[in-house]
Amino acid sequence: MTLGTAVIVGVGPGIGLAIARTFARAGHPVAMLARDEARLGAYAAELASAGHEVRGYVADAGDPDALRGAIHRAITELGAPDVLVYNAGVRRRDSPLGGDDQDWADVTAVNVLGARVAADAVLPELRDGRGSLLFTGGGYALSPSKEHASLSVGKAALRAYVHVLHDQLRGTGVHATSVTITRDIGGGEARFDPEVLAQAYLDLHRQPASAWQHELMRY
């Protein structure tokens, strides 16, 4: 059976690449979106050399027009999607007070707004109106850190967004859920290895509708 495209926003050397590799191995054409053109080219070449249909698309997740445009190009070139994975995020040390207003706005655009933009772009293009919208959450949504204030706020907002999106899409054949990862990815624990986590995204996409929930917690 021919599978639809997996659109993955936020592909870097950790879990993003692992998710791209996992969905490609499962038979999905894969569109990888990120800001670093050279890195995307290297990833695409690696996966293509293994016989997978994978292409990279340069886009800033914090720029709504650029993100929508890249998603549209990917779908036009690779075909209707089965799944979106929104894995973009900005992790930096900052405080709840002070700092630059525009910096906070830019970070929030990636951590929260980009998720809504990506979902809004992919949802009407899903094959047969069915599929999965998956989002990478984080433990700071549950236990905020004053040293990572903007990320804590962003992950909490993303978690709330996915919860209400899941409720909005209930009964439509579209599965919206977040993967809340509470430990450092690749920090030495097997269950937080990027490849192990990536398999959880594929498993969520393949879940029967009776098992759908708004969140998968990975403690």
Protein backbone atom coordinates (compact mmCIF):
# COMPACT_ATOMS: atom_id res chain seq x y z
CA MET A 1 0.00 0.00 0.00
CA THR A 2 1.28 3.45 -0.91
CA LEU A 3 1.77 5.65 2.12
CA GLY A 4 1.35 9.41 2.34
CA THR A 5 4.06 11.94 3.02
CA ALA A 6 5.43 12.55 6.51
CA VAL A 7 5.98 16.30 6.95
CA ILE A 8 8.55 16.85 9.70
CA VAL A 9 9.17 20.40 10.89
CA GLY A 10 12.35 20.86 12.89
CA VAL A 11 14.89 18.30 11.69
CA GLY A 12 18.20 18.47 13.50
CA PRO A 13 20.86 15.93 14.47
CA GLY A 14 18.88 14.41 17.35
CA ILE A 15 15.28 13.33 17.47
CA GLY A 16 14.28 15.22 14.31
CA LEU A 17 16.59 13.18 12.09
CA ALA A 18 15.63 9.99 13.95
CA ILE A 19 11.94 10.67 13.25
CA ALA A 20 12.69 11.31 9.56
CA ARG A 21 14.68 8.10 9.35
CA THR A 22 11.98 6.07 11.13
CA PHE A 23 9.13 7.24 8.90
CA ALA A 24 11.28 6.79 5.77
CA ARG A 25 12.12 3.22 6.75
CA ALA A 26 8.40 2.61 7.28
CA GLY A 27 7.78 3.55 3.65
CA HIS A 28 6.62 7.17 3.85
CA PRO A 29 8.00 9.84 1.55
CA VAL A 30 9.53 12.33 3.97
CA ALA A 31 9.67 16.12 3.81
CA MET A 32 12.24 17.52 6.23
CA LEU A 33 11.90 21.20 7.15
CA ALA A 34 14.54 23.21 8.97
CA ARG A 35 16.58 26.41 8.66
CA ASP A 36 20.00 24.90 7.88
CA GLU A 37 20.17 24.17 4.15
CA ALA A 38 23.54 22.42 4.25
CA ARG A 39 22.48 20.14 7.08
CA LEU A 40 19.20 19.29 5.34
CA GLY A 41 21.09 18.43 2.16
CA ALA A 42 23.36 16.06 4.05
CA TYR A 43 20.44 14.35 5.76
CA ALA A 44 18.51 13.99 2.51
CA ALA A 45 21.56 12.53 0.76
CA GLU A 46 22.11 10.03 3.59
CA LEU A 47 18.52 8.79 3.52
CA ALA A 48 18.25 8.82 -0.26
CA SER A 49 21.38 6.65 -0.49
CA ALA A 50 19.45 4.03 1.50
CA GLY A 51 16.69 4.10 -1.11
CA HIS A 52 14.24 6.38 0.68
CA GLU A 53 12.25 9.22 -0.89
CA VAL A 54 13.30 12.17 1.23
CA ARG A 55 13.67 15.87 0.45
CA GLY A 56 14.72 18.88 2.47
CA TYR A 57 12.93 22.22 2.51
CA VAL A 58 14.45 25.32 4.05
CA ALA A 59 12.03 27.18 6.32
CA ASP A 60 12.05 29.14 9.56
CA ALA A 61 9.29 27.76 11.79
CA GLY A 62 8.95 31.22 13.31
CA ASP A 63 8.02 32.77 9.95
CA PRO A 64 4.40 31.80 9.19
CA ASP A 65 4.51 32.66 5.47
CA ALA A 66 7.79 30.83 4.91
CA LEU A 67 6.58 27.80 6.85
CA ARG A 68 3.29 27.60 4.95
CA GLY A 69 5.14 27.99 1.66
CA ALA A 70 7.62 25.22 2.43
CA ILE A 71 4.86 22.84 3.51
CA HIS A 72 2.91 23.59 0.33
CA ARG A 73 6.00 22.90 -1.83
CA ALA A 74 6.66 19.65 0.00
CA ILE A 75 3.10 18.40 -0.47
CA THR A 76 3.10 19.43 -4.14
CA GLU A 77 6.33 17.56 -4.81
CA LEU A 78 5.96 14.50 -2.57
CA GLY A 79 2.20 14.01 -2.42
CA ALA A 80 -0.61 14.30 0.11
CA PRO A 81 0.49 13.80 3.71
CA ASP A 82 -0.47 11.16 6.21
CA VAL A 83 1.29 12.79 9.14
CA LEU A 84 2.74 16.03 10.46
CA VAL A 85 5.42 16.01 13.14
CA TYR A 86 6.07 19.44 14.63
CA ASN A 87 9.43 19.14 16.36
CA ALA A 88 10.63 22.75 16.20
CA GLY A 89 11.55 24.61 19.35
CA VAL A 90 14.03 27.08 20.80
CA ARG A 91 15.87 26.11 23.97
CA ARG A 92 17.87 28.86 25.64
CA ARG A 93 18.66 30.10 29.11
CA ASP A 94 16.58 33.13 30.00
CA SER A 95 14.63 34.70 32.84
CA PRO A 96 10.95 35.47 33.44
CA LEU A 97 11.96 39.15 33.69
CA GLY A 98 14.06 41.44 31.59
CA GLY A 99 15.51 40.52 28.24
CA ASP A 100 14.51 41.74 24.81
CA ASP A 101 10.83 41.87 23.84
CA GLN A 102 11.48 40.85 20.24
CA ASP A 103 13.57 37.87 21.35
CA TRP A 104 10.62 36.59 23.36
CA ALA A 105 8.27 37.17 20.43
CA ASP A 106 10.61 35.31 18.06
CA VAL A 107 11.00 32.35 20.41
CA THR A 108 7.25 32.14 21.02
CA ALA A 109 6.67 32.19 17.27
CA VAL A 110 8.72 28.99 16.93
CA ASN A 111 7.62 27.26 20.12
CA VAL A 112 3.88 27.89 19.76
CA LEU A 113 2.66 29.78 16.68
CA GLY A 114 4.58 27.59 14.25
CA ALA A 115 2.74 24.53 15.56
CA ARG A 116 -0.62 26.11 14.75
CA VAL A 117 0.57 27.28 11.34
CA ALA A 118 1.88 23.83 10.46
CA ALA A 119 -1.29 22.09 11.63
CA ASP A 120 -3.43 24.59 9.72
CA ALA A 121 -1.40 23.98 6.55
CA VAL A 122 -1.34 20.18 6.72
CA LEU A 123 -4.84 19.39 8.02
CA PRO A 124 -6.81 20.17 4.82
CA GLU A 125 -4.25 18.28 2.73
CA LEU A 126 -4.37 14.96 4.63
CA ARG A 127 -5.09 11.98 2.39
CA ASP A 128 -8.79 11.14 2.52
CA GLY A 129 -9.10 13.63 5.40
CA ARG A 130 -7.43 11.23 7.80
CA GLY A 131 -4.03 11.14 9.51
CA SER A 132 -1.95 12.32 12.44
CA LEU A 133 -0.75 15.66 13.77
CA LEU A 134 2.04 14.99 16.28
CA PHE A 135 3.92 17.55 18.37
CA THR A 136 7.07 17.33 20.47
CA GLY A 137 6.39 18.56 23.99
CA GLY A 138 8.68 18.74 26.98
CA GLY A 139 8.93 18.32 30.70
CA TYR A 140 9.10 22.08 31.29
CA ALA A 141 5.38 22.15 30.46
CA LEU A 142 4.87 20.20 33.70
CA SER A 143 7.74 21.57 35.82
CA PRO A 144 8.64 25.07 34.62
CA SER A 145 12.19 26.33 35.04
CA LYS A 146 13.03 29.94 35.87
CA GLU A 147 16.34 29.43 34.02
CA HIS A 148 14.49 28.40 30.84
CA ALA A 149 11.50 30.69 31.13
CA SER A 150 10.58 31.12 27.46
CA LEU A 151 10.82 27.39 26.75
CA SER A 152 8.76 26.57 29.86
CA VAL A 153 6.04 28.99 28.75
CA GLY A 154 6.23 27.72 25.18
CA LYS A 155 5.92 24.05 26.05
CA ALA A 156 3.04 24.73 28.43
CA ALA A 157 1.24 26.67 25.70
CA LEU A 158 1.96 23.97 23.13
CA ARG A 159 0.60 21.30 25.45
CA ALA A 160 -2.62 23.29 25.91
CA TYR A 161 -2.88 23.90 22.16
CA VAL A 162 -2.58 20.22 21.31
CA HIS A 163 -5.12 19.32 23.99
CA VAL A 164 -7.75 21.63 22.51
CA LEU A 165 -6.80 20.59 18.96
CA HIS A 166 -7.31 16.95 19.92
CA ASP A 167 -10.75 17.79 21.29
CA GLN A 168 -11.61 19.85 18.20
CA LEU A 169 -10.72 16.97 15.87
CA ARG A 170 -12.37 14.22 17.88
CA GLY A 171 -14.39 11.97 15.59
CA THR A 172 -12.92 13.36 12.36
CA GLY A 173 -10.37 10.64 11.67
CA VAL A 174 -7.46 12.92 12.54
CA HIS A 175 -5.28 12.12 15.54
CA ALA A 176 -3.70 15.13 17.28
CA THR A 177 -1.39 14.39 20.19
CA SER A 178 1.77 15.63 21.87
CA VAL A 179 4.75 13.57 22.98
CA THR A 180 5.83 15.05 26.31
CA ILE A 181 9.47 14.09 26.82
CA THR A 182 10.49 14.76 30.41
CA ARG A 183 14.21 13.89 30.29
CA ASP A 184 17.17 14.91 28.13
CA ILE A 185 17.06 13.21 24.75
CA GLY A 186 20.11 11.03 24.25
CA GLY A 187 21.13 11.48 27.87
CA GLY A 188 22.12 7.86 28.38
CA GLU A 189 18.77 6.26 29.23
CA ALA A 190 17.66 3.81 26.56
CA ARG A 191 14.05 4.97 26.62
CA PHE A 192 15.22 8.51 25.75
CA ASP A 193 17.43 7.44 22.87
CA PRO A 194 16.39 9.38 19.73
CA GLU A 195 15.68 6.21 17.75
CA VAL A 196 13.53 4.77 20.55
CA LEU A 197 11.58 8.00 20.87
CA ALA A 198 11.15 8.23 17.10
CA GLN A 199 9.52 4.81 17.07
CA ALA A 200 6.96 6.13 19.57
CA TYR A 201 5.88 8.74 17.00
CA LEU A 202 5.41 6.07 14.35
CA ASP A 203 3.50 3.90 16.83
CA LEU A 204 1.21 6.84 17.63
CA HIS A 205 0.54 7.37 13.95
CA ARG A 206 -0.41 3.70 13.61
CA GLN A 207 -2.61 3.59 16.73
CA PRO A 208 -6.24 2.52 16.36
CA ALA A 209 -8.67 5.37 16.95
CA SER A 210 -9.92 3.70 20.12
CA ALA A 211 -6.51 4.36 21.74
CA TRP A 212 -6.16 8.02 20.77
CA GLN A 213 -5.37 10.51 23.55
CA HIS A 214 -4.19 14.10 23.53
CA GLU A 215 -0.80 13.26 25.05
CA LEU A 216 1.84 10.55 25.34
CA MET A 217 3.96 10.99 28.46
CA ARG A 218 7.52 9.71 28.36
CA TYR A 219 8.93 9.77 31.91
